[in-house]
Amino acid sequence: MQKHRSINHASAPDGGLADALVTSAFVTMAVVSRLGAEHDLSLSMVRLLGILADRRPRMTELADYLGLEKQTLSGLVARAEKKGWVARAPNPDDGRATDVFLTPEGTKLVRRLHAQGREALAPLTGALAPEDQQALERLLRRLLAARAAA
């Protein structure tokens, strides 16, 4: 494993947090990409399955969340449907809209990926005291909530 230089927070007071977030995103994405490859899943498919783990979005919401064009998303969802991981159904509130959701088989796959992801990240997260882990989780959830509200 390659060693990385630590970030000098003192020399970049307004960039240190952003640098740490980007670096942690790189480390996390490397784990996610490796897990996807081990299961023969593209990064886009891993992201799709991860998003569907706790929600049932409309196709348009899913396209926005993933940053994909409708046609690209339709192909991705069709591949996941063919594998038996997701299904589509009319939205109960708007019959013109289509929802996407995990099937029981997709739920099993996502649970397996989550467990493997937690295990792969354990050396990093385990370096923090339990109270620091909880504090970091709270802060990250606040960041994500602020993003969702924007």
N, C-alpha and C. Protein backbone atom coordinates (compact mmCIF):
# COMPACT_ATOMS: atom_id res chain seq x y z
N MET A 1 0.84 -1.18 0.00
CA MET A 1 0.00 0.00 0.00
C MET A 1 0.88 1.24 0.00
N GLN A 2 0.49 2.23 -0.77
CA GLN A 2 1.27 3.42 -0.92
C GLN A 2 0.99 4.38 0.22
N LYS A 3 2.05 4.99 0.76
CA LYS A 3 1.91 5.98 1.82
C LYS A 3 1.59 7.33 1.19
N HIS A 4 0.75 8.08 1.85
CA HIS A 4 0.40 9.42 1.37
C HIS A 4 0.92 10.44 2.36
N ARG A 5 1.32 11.59 1.83
CA ARG A 5 1.74 12.67 2.71
C ARG A 5 0.52 13.17 3.46
N SER A 6 0.72 13.53 4.70
CA SER A 6 -0.40 14.07 5.45
C SER A 6 -0.66 15.50 5.00
N ILE A 7 -1.86 15.92 5.20
CA ILE A 7 -2.27 17.27 4.81
C ILE A 7 -1.80 18.24 5.88
N ASN A 8 -1.17 19.32 5.46
CA ASN A 8 -0.72 20.35 6.38
C ASN A 8 -1.87 21.33 6.59
N HIS A 9 -2.64 21.11 7.63
CA HIS A 9 -3.81 21.94 7.89
C HIS A 9 -3.43 23.37 8.26
N ALA A 10 -2.28 23.54 8.89
CA ALA A 10 -1.86 24.87 9.34
C ALA A 10 -1.59 25.79 8.15
N SER A 11 -1.09 25.24 7.04
CA SER A 11 -0.75 26.09 5.90
C SER A 11 -1.96 26.40 5.02
N ALA A 12 -3.06 25.69 5.21
CA ALA A 12 -4.25 25.92 4.38
C ALA A 12 -5.50 25.93 5.24
N PRO A 13 -5.67 27.01 6.06
CA PRO A 13 -6.79 27.00 6.99
C PRO A 13 -8.15 26.88 6.33
N ASP A 14 -8.33 27.46 5.15
CA ASP A 14 -9.63 27.36 4.51
C ASP A 14 -9.69 26.20 3.52
N GLY A 15 -8.60 25.51 3.30
CA GLY A 15 -8.59 24.39 2.37
C GLY A 15 -8.41 23.05 3.05
N GLY A 16 -8.03 23.05 4.30
CA GLY A 16 -7.76 21.80 5.01
C GLY A 16 -8.96 20.88 5.09
N LEU A 17 -10.12 21.44 5.40
CA LEU A 17 -11.33 20.62 5.49
C LEU A 17 -11.70 20.06 4.14
N ALA A 18 -11.68 20.91 3.12
CA ALA A 18 -12.01 20.44 1.77
C ALA A 18 -11.02 19.36 1.33
N ASP A 19 -9.74 19.56 1.60
CA ASP A 19 -8.73 18.56 1.24
C ASP A 19 -8.99 17.24 1.96
N ALA A 20 -9.32 17.32 3.24
CA ALA A 20 -9.58 16.10 4.00
C ALA A 20 -10.83 15.39 3.48
N LEU A 21 -11.87 16.16 3.12
CA LEU A 21 -13.08 15.55 2.57
C LEU A 21 -12.79 14.86 1.24
N VAL A 22 -12.05 15.53 0.37
CA VAL A 22 -11.73 14.96 -0.93
C VAL A 22 -10.88 13.71 -0.77
N THR A 23 -9.87 13.77 0.07
CA THR A 23 -9.01 12.61 0.29
C THR A 23 -9.79 11.45 0.87
N SER A 24 -10.67 11.73 1.83
CA SER A 24 -11.48 10.64 2.41
C SER A 24 -12.45 10.08 1.37
N ALA A 25 -12.94 10.93 0.48
CA ALA A 25 -13.81 10.45 -0.60
C ALA A 25 -13.04 9.52 -1.53
N PHE A 26 -11.79 9.87 -1.84
CA PHE A 26 -10.96 9.01 -2.69
C PHE A 26 -10.75 7.65 -2.05
N VAL A 27 -10.44 7.65 -0.77
CA VAL A 27 -10.19 6.39 -0.06
C VAL A 27 -11.47 5.55 -0.03
N THR A 28 -12.59 6.18 0.26
CA THR A 28 -13.87 5.48 0.31
C THR A 28 -14.25 4.95 -1.06
N MET A 29 -14.09 5.76 -2.09
CA MET A 29 -14.44 5.32 -3.45
C MET A 29 -13.55 4.17 -3.91
N ALA A 30 -12.31 4.13 -3.47
CA ALA A 30 -11.44 3.01 -3.82
C ALA A 30 -12.00 1.71 -3.24
N VAL A 31 -12.50 1.78 -2.02
CA VAL A 31 -13.13 0.60 -1.38
C VAL A 31 -14.39 0.21 -2.15
N VAL A 32 -15.23 1.19 -2.46
CA VAL A 32 -16.48 0.92 -3.17
C VAL A 32 -16.19 0.33 -4.55
N SER A 33 -15.22 0.90 -5.24
CA SER A 33 -14.85 0.39 -6.58
C SER A 33 -14.33 -1.04 -6.51
N ARG A 34 -13.51 -1.32 -5.50
CA ARG A 34 -12.98 -2.68 -5.35
C ARG A 34 -14.10 -3.67 -5.06
N LEU A 35 -15.00 -3.32 -4.18
CA LEU A 35 -16.13 -4.20 -3.87
C LEU A 35 -17.00 -4.43 -5.11
N GLY A 36 -17.24 -3.36 -5.86
CA GLY A 36 -18.01 -3.50 -7.09
C GLY A 36 -17.33 -4.46 -8.05
N ALA A 37 -16.03 -4.29 -8.22
CA ALA A 37 -15.28 -5.17 -9.13
C ALA A 37 -15.35 -6.63 -8.67
N GLU A 38 -15.28 -6.84 -7.37
CA GLU A 38 -15.35 -8.21 -6.84
C GLU A 38 -16.70 -8.86 -7.14
N HIS A 39 -17.73 -8.06 -7.32
CA HIS A 39 -19.07 -8.57 -7.61
C HIS A 39 -19.45 -8.34 -9.08
N ASP A 40 -18.48 -7.94 -9.88
CA ASP A 40 -18.68 -7.67 -11.31
C ASP A 40 -19.75 -6.60 -11.51
N LEU A 41 -19.68 -5.54 -10.71
CA LEU A 41 -20.62 -4.42 -10.78
C LEU A 41 -19.87 -3.15 -11.16
N SER A 42 -20.43 -2.38 -12.08
CA SER A 42 -19.85 -1.08 -12.39
C SER A 42 -20.07 -0.14 -11.21
N LEU A 43 -19.28 0.92 -11.17
CA LEU A 43 -19.46 1.91 -10.11
C LEU A 43 -20.86 2.52 -10.18
N SER A 44 -21.36 2.74 -11.39
CA SER A 44 -22.73 3.27 -11.54
C SER A 44 -23.76 2.31 -10.96
N MET A 45 -23.56 1.01 -11.16
CA MET A 45 -24.50 0.03 -10.62
C MET A 45 -24.44 0.00 -9.10
N VAL A 46 -23.24 0.08 -8.55
CA VAL A 46 -23.09 0.11 -7.09
C VAL A 46 -23.81 1.33 -6.53
N ARG A 47 -23.62 2.48 -7.18
CA ARG A 47 -24.29 3.70 -6.73
C ARG A 47 -25.80 3.56 -6.81
N LEU A 48 -26.31 3.01 -7.91
CA LEU A 48 -27.75 2.80 -8.07
C LEU A 48 -28.28 1.94 -6.94
N LEU A 49 -27.66 0.81 -6.70
CA LEU A 49 -28.12 -0.11 -5.66
C LEU A 49 -28.04 0.55 -4.28
N GLY A 50 -26.97 1.30 -4.05
CA GLY A 50 -26.81 1.97 -2.76
C GLY A 50 -27.89 3.01 -2.51
N ILE A 51 -28.24 3.75 -3.54
CA ILE A 51 -29.30 4.77 -3.41
C ILE A 51 -30.63 4.10 -3.11
N LEU A 52 -30.89 2.97 -3.75
CA LEU A 52 -32.18 2.29 -3.57
C LEU A 52 -32.27 1.54 -2.25
N ALA A 53 -31.17 1.46 -1.52
CA ALA A 53 -31.16 0.71 -0.25
C ALA A 53 -32.17 1.26 0.75
N ASP A 54 -32.42 2.56 0.72
CA ASP A 54 -33.31 3.13 1.73
C ASP A 54 -34.35 4.09 1.16
N ARG A 55 -34.61 3.98 -0.14
CA ARG A 55 -35.62 4.84 -0.73
C ARG A 55 -36.20 4.22 -1.99
N ARG A 56 -37.31 4.77 -2.42
CA ARG A 56 -38.01 4.32 -3.63
C ARG A 56 -38.25 5.56 -4.50
N PRO A 57 -37.20 6.03 -5.18
CA PRO A 57 -37.34 7.27 -5.94
C PRO A 57 -38.02 7.07 -7.29
N ARG A 58 -38.51 8.17 -7.82
CA ARG A 58 -39.00 8.19 -9.19
C ARG A 58 -37.78 8.15 -10.11
N MET A 59 -37.99 7.70 -11.33
CA MET A 59 -36.90 7.65 -12.29
C MET A 59 -36.25 9.03 -12.45
N THR A 60 -37.04 10.09 -12.50
CA THR A 60 -36.48 11.43 -12.68
C THR A 60 -35.62 11.83 -11.48
N GLU A 61 -36.06 11.50 -10.27
CA GLU A 61 -35.27 11.80 -9.07
C GLU A 61 -33.97 11.02 -9.08
N LEU A 62 -34.05 9.78 -9.48
CA LEU A 62 -32.87 8.91 -9.55
C LEU A 62 -31.87 9.44 -10.56
N ALA A 63 -32.34 9.88 -11.71
CA ALA A 63 -31.45 10.45 -12.73
C ALA A 63 -30.75 11.69 -12.19
N ASP A 64 -31.49 12.54 -11.49
CA ASP A 64 -30.89 13.75 -10.90
C ASP A 64 -29.86 13.37 -9.84
N TYR A 65 -30.21 12.44 -8.99
CA TYR A 65 -29.32 12.06 -7.89
C TYR A 65 -28.02 11.47 -8.42
N LEU A 66 -28.11 10.65 -9.45
CA LEU A 66 -26.91 10.02 -10.03
C LEU A 66 -26.21 10.92 -11.04
N GLY A 67 -26.88 11.99 -11.46
CA GLY A 67 -26.28 12.87 -12.47
C GLY A 67 -26.21 12.22 -13.84
N LEU A 68 -27.22 11.41 -14.16
CA LEU A 68 -27.25 10.69 -15.44
C LEU A 68 -28.39 11.19 -16.32
N GLU A 69 -28.19 11.10 -17.61
CA GLU A 69 -29.26 11.39 -18.55
C GLU A 69 -30.31 10.28 -18.43
N LYS A 70 -31.55 10.61 -18.77
CA LYS A 70 -32.65 9.65 -18.65
C LYS A 70 -32.36 8.35 -19.41
N GLN A 71 -31.83 8.47 -20.63
CA GLN A 71 -31.55 7.29 -21.45
C GLN A 71 -30.48 6.41 -20.81
N THR A 72 -29.45 7.03 -20.25
CA THR A 72 -28.37 6.27 -19.60
C THR A 72 -28.92 5.56 -18.36
N LEU A 73 -29.73 6.28 -17.58
CA LEU A 73 -30.33 5.68 -16.39
C LEU A 73 -31.24 4.53 -16.77
N SER A 74 -32.03 4.70 -17.82
CA SER A 74 -32.94 3.63 -18.25
C SER A 74 -32.17 2.35 -18.58
N GLY A 75 -31.04 2.50 -19.23
CA GLY A 75 -30.21 1.34 -19.55
C GLY A 75 -29.65 0.69 -18.29
N LEU A 76 -29.21 1.51 -17.35
CA LEU A 76 -28.66 0.99 -16.09
C LEU A 76 -29.74 0.23 -15.31
N VAL A 77 -30.92 0.83 -15.21
CA VAL A 77 -32.03 0.19 -14.50
C VAL A 77 -32.44 -1.10 -15.22
N ALA A 78 -32.46 -1.09 -16.54
CA ALA A 78 -32.82 -2.29 -17.30
C ALA A 78 -31.84 -3.42 -17.03
N ARG A 79 -30.55 -3.10 -16.94
CA ARG A 79 -29.55 -4.14 -16.62
C ARG A 79 -29.77 -4.70 -15.21
N ALA A 80 -30.08 -3.81 -14.26
CA ALA A 80 -30.34 -4.26 -12.89
C ALA A 80 -31.62 -5.09 -12.81
N GLU A 81 -32.63 -4.72 -13.61
CA GLU A 81 -33.87 -5.51 -13.67
C GLU A 81 -33.59 -6.90 -14.23
N LYS A 82 -32.80 -6.96 -15.27
CA LYS A 82 -32.47 -8.24 -15.90
C LYS A 82 -31.77 -9.18 -14.92
N LYS A 83 -30.96 -8.61 -14.02
CA LYS A 83 -30.27 -9.40 -13.00
C LYS A 83 -31.19 -9.76 -11.84
N GLY A 84 -32.38 -9.14 -11.80
CA GLY A 84 -33.33 -9.42 -10.72
C GLY A 84 -33.11 -8.60 -9.47
N TRP A 85 -32.35 -7.50 -9.57
CA TRP A 85 -32.02 -6.69 -8.40
C TRP A 85 -32.99 -5.55 -8.15
N VAL A 86 -33.60 -5.03 -9.21
CA VAL A 86 -34.54 -3.91 -9.06
C VAL A 86 -35.79 -4.18 -9.87
N ALA A 87 -36.82 -3.42 -9.55
CA ALA A 87 -38.07 -3.47 -10.31
C ALA A 87 -38.58 -2.04 -10.45
N ARG A 88 -39.51 -1.87 -11.36
CA ARG A 88 -40.15 -0.57 -11.58
C ARG A 88 -41.66 -0.75 -11.38
N ALA A 89 -42.29 0.31 -10.93
CA ALA A 89 -43.74 0.31 -10.77
C ALA A 89 -44.24 1.74 -10.88
N PRO A 90 -45.51 1.90 -11.28
CA PRO A 90 -46.06 3.26 -11.32
C PRO A 90 -46.04 3.88 -9.93
N ASN A 91 -45.76 5.17 -9.88
CA ASN A 91 -45.78 5.88 -8.60
C ASN A 91 -47.22 5.95 -8.11
N PRO A 92 -47.48 5.60 -6.85
CA PRO A 92 -48.86 5.58 -6.35
C PRO A 92 -49.54 6.96 -6.34
N ASP A 93 -48.74 8.04 -6.26
CA ASP A 93 -49.31 9.39 -6.23
C ASP A 93 -49.41 10.03 -7.61
N ASP A 94 -48.63 9.53 -8.56
CA ASP A 94 -48.61 10.11 -9.90
C ASP A 94 -48.42 8.98 -10.90
N GLY A 95 -49.51 8.53 -11.48
CA GLY A 95 -49.49 7.39 -12.39
C GLY A 95 -48.61 7.59 -13.61
N ARG A 96 -48.23 8.83 -13.93
CA ARG A 96 -47.34 9.08 -15.06
C ARG A 96 -45.89 8.82 -14.70
N ALA A 97 -45.57 8.85 -13.42
CA ALA A 97 -44.19 8.67 -12.95
C ALA A 97 -43.94 7.20 -12.63
N THR A 98 -42.68 6.80 -12.74
CA THR A 98 -42.27 5.43 -12.45
C THR A 98 -41.29 5.42 -11.29
N ASP A 99 -41.57 4.57 -10.31
CA ASP A 99 -40.66 4.37 -9.17
C ASP A 99 -39.73 3.21 -9.46
N VAL A 100 -38.55 3.25 -8.84
CA VAL A 100 -37.59 2.15 -8.92
C VAL A 100 -37.30 1.71 -7.50
N PHE A 101 -37.23 0.40 -7.28
CA PHE A 101 -37.00 -0.13 -5.94
C PHE A 101 -36.26 -1.45 -6.01
N LEU A 102 -35.63 -1.81 -4.89
CA LEU A 102 -34.91 -3.08 -4.80
C LEU A 102 -35.89 -4.24 -4.69
N THR A 103 -35.53 -5.34 -5.32
CA THR A 103 -36.25 -6.60 -5.13
C THR A 103 -35.65 -7.29 -3.91
N PRO A 104 -36.25 -8.37 -3.43
CA PRO A 104 -35.62 -9.10 -2.33
C PRO A 104 -34.18 -9.54 -2.67
N GLU A 105 -33.95 -9.95 -3.92
CA GLU A 105 -32.59 -10.35 -4.32
C GLU A 105 -31.64 -9.15 -4.30
N GLY A 106 -32.12 -8.01 -4.74
CA GLY A 106 -31.32 -6.78 -4.70
C GLY A 106 -31.01 -6.36 -3.28
N THR A 107 -31.99 -6.52 -2.39
CA THR A 107 -31.79 -6.19 -0.98
C THR A 107 -30.70 -7.08 -0.37
N LYS A 108 -30.71 -8.36 -0.71
CA LYS A 108 -29.67 -9.27 -0.21
C LYS A 108 -28.29 -8.83 -0.69
N LEU A 109 -28.18 -8.46 -1.98
CA LEU A 109 -26.91 -8.02 -2.52
C LEU A 109 -26.43 -6.75 -1.83
N VAL A 110 -27.32 -5.80 -1.64
CA VAL A 110 -26.95 -4.54 -0.99
C VAL A 110 -26.50 -4.80 0.45
N ARG A 111 -27.20 -5.65 1.17
CA ARG A 111 -26.78 -5.97 2.54
C ARG A 111 -25.39 -6.59 2.57
N ARG A 112 -25.12 -7.47 1.61
CA ARG A 112 -23.80 -8.09 1.51
C ARG A 112 -22.72 -7.03 1.21
N LEU A 113 -23.02 -6.13 0.27
CA LEU A 113 -22.07 -5.07 -0.06
C LEU A 113 -21.84 -4.14 1.13
N HIS A 114 -22.89 -3.79 1.84
CA HIS A 114 -22.74 -2.93 3.03
C HIS A 114 -21.86 -3.60 4.07
N ALA A 115 -22.10 -4.88 4.34
CA ALA A 115 -21.30 -5.60 5.33
C ALA A 115 -19.83 -5.65 4.91
N GLN A 116 -19.59 -5.93 3.64
CA GLN A 116 -18.21 -5.98 3.14
C GLN A 116 -17.57 -4.59 3.17
N GLY A 117 -18.37 -3.57 2.89
CA GLY A 117 -17.85 -2.20 2.95
C GLY A 117 -17.47 -1.80 4.36
N ARG A 118 -18.32 -2.13 5.34
CA ARG A 118 -17.99 -1.83 6.74
C ARG A 118 -16.71 -2.55 7.15
N GLU A 119 -16.58 -3.80 6.73
CA GLU A 119 -15.38 -4.57 7.06
C GLU A 119 -14.14 -3.95 6.42
N ALA A 120 -14.25 -3.54 5.16
CA ALA A 120 -13.11 -2.96 4.46
C ALA A 120 -12.71 -1.60 5.04
N LEU A 121 -13.68 -0.85 5.56
CA LEU A 121 -13.40 0.46 6.13
C LEU A 121 -13.03 0.39 7.62
N ALA A 122 -13.19 -0.77 8.23
CA ALA A 122 -12.94 -0.93 9.67
C ALA A 122 -11.54 -0.49 10.09
N PRO A 123 -10.49 -0.77 9.31
CA PRO A 123 -9.17 -0.29 9.74
C PRO A 123 -9.11 1.24 9.87
N LEU A 124 -9.86 1.95 9.05
CA LEU A 124 -9.88 3.42 9.14
C LEU A 124 -10.79 3.87 10.29
N THR A 125 -12.01 3.39 10.28
CA THR A 125 -12.96 3.83 11.30
C THR A 125 -12.55 3.34 12.69
N GLY A 126 -11.93 2.17 12.74
CA GLY A 126 -11.50 1.63 14.02
C GLY A 126 -10.36 2.39 14.65
N ALA A 127 -9.70 3.24 13.87
CA ALA A 127 -8.61 4.07 14.41
C ALA A 127 -9.16 5.21 15.26
N LEU A 128 -10.47 5.42 15.17
CA LEU A 128 -11.11 6.47 15.97
C LEU A 128 -11.78 5.88 17.19
N ALA A 129 -11.77 6.62 18.27
CA ALA A 129 -12.49 6.21 19.48
C ALA A 129 -13.98 6.19 19.14
N PRO A 130 -14.75 5.34 19.83
CA PRO A 130 -16.20 5.27 19.54
C PRO A 130 -16.90 6.62 19.55
N GLU A 131 -16.57 7.49 20.51
CA GLU A 131 -17.22 8.81 20.56
C GLU A 131 -16.82 9.67 19.35
N ASP A 132 -15.58 9.50 18.85
CA ASP A 132 -15.16 10.22 17.66
C ASP A 132 -15.87 9.68 16.42
N GLN A 133 -16.07 8.38 16.37
CA GLN A 133 -16.82 7.78 15.26
C GLN A 133 -18.23 8.37 15.22
N GLN A 134 -18.86 8.44 16.39
CA GLN A 134 -20.23 8.97 16.46
C GLN A 134 -20.27 10.45 16.08
N ALA A 135 -19.27 11.20 16.52
CA ALA A 135 -19.21 12.63 16.19
C ALA A 135 -19.01 12.82 14.68
N LEU A 136 -18.13 12.04 14.09
CA LEU A 136 -17.89 12.13 12.66
C LEU A 136 -19.15 11.77 11.88
N GLU A 137 -19.83 10.72 12.31
CA GLU A 137 -21.08 10.34 11.64
C GLU A 137 -22.11 11.47 11.71
N ARG A 138 -22.27 12.08 12.88
CA ARG A 138 -23.22 13.19 13.04
C ARG A 138 -22.86 14.35 12.11
N LEU A 139 -21.58 14.69 12.05
CA LEU A 139 -21.15 15.81 11.21
C LEU A 139 -21.37 15.50 9.72
N LEU A 140 -21.04 14.29 9.31
CA LEU A 140 -21.25 13.92 7.91
C LEU A 140 -22.74 13.93 7.56
N ARG A 141 -23.58 13.45 8.46
CA ARG A 141 -25.03 13.47 8.21
C ARG A 141 -25.54 14.91 8.11
N ARG A 142 -24.97 15.83 8.92
CA ARG A 142 -25.36 17.24 8.83
C ARG A 142 -24.95 17.83 7.50
N LEU A 143 -23.75 17.48 7.02
CA LEU A 143 -23.30 17.95 5.71
C LEU A 143 -24.24 17.46 4.60
N LEU A 144 -24.60 16.19 4.68
CA LEU A 144 -25.49 15.62 3.66
C LEU A 144 -26.89 16.22 3.73
N ALA A 145 -27.36 16.50 4.94
CA ALA A 145 -28.67 17.13 5.09
C ALA A 145 -28.65 18.54 4.53
N ALA A 146 -27.55 19.25 4.73
CA ALA A 146 -27.43 20.60 4.18
C ALA A 146 -27.42 20.56 2.67
N ARG A 147 -26.77 19.56 2.11
CA ARG A 147 -26.75 19.39 0.64
C ARG A 147 -28.16 19.12 0.13
N ALA A 148 -28.87 18.24 0.81
CA ALA A 148 -30.22 17.89 0.37
C ALA A 148 -31.17 19.09 0.47
N ALA A 149 -30.95 19.93 1.45
CA ALA A 149 -31.81 21.11 1.64
C ALA A 149 -31.51 22.21 0.63
N ALA A 150 -30.32 22.19 0.07
CA ALA A 150 -29.91 23.27 -0.87
C ALA A 150 -30.58 23.13 -2.23
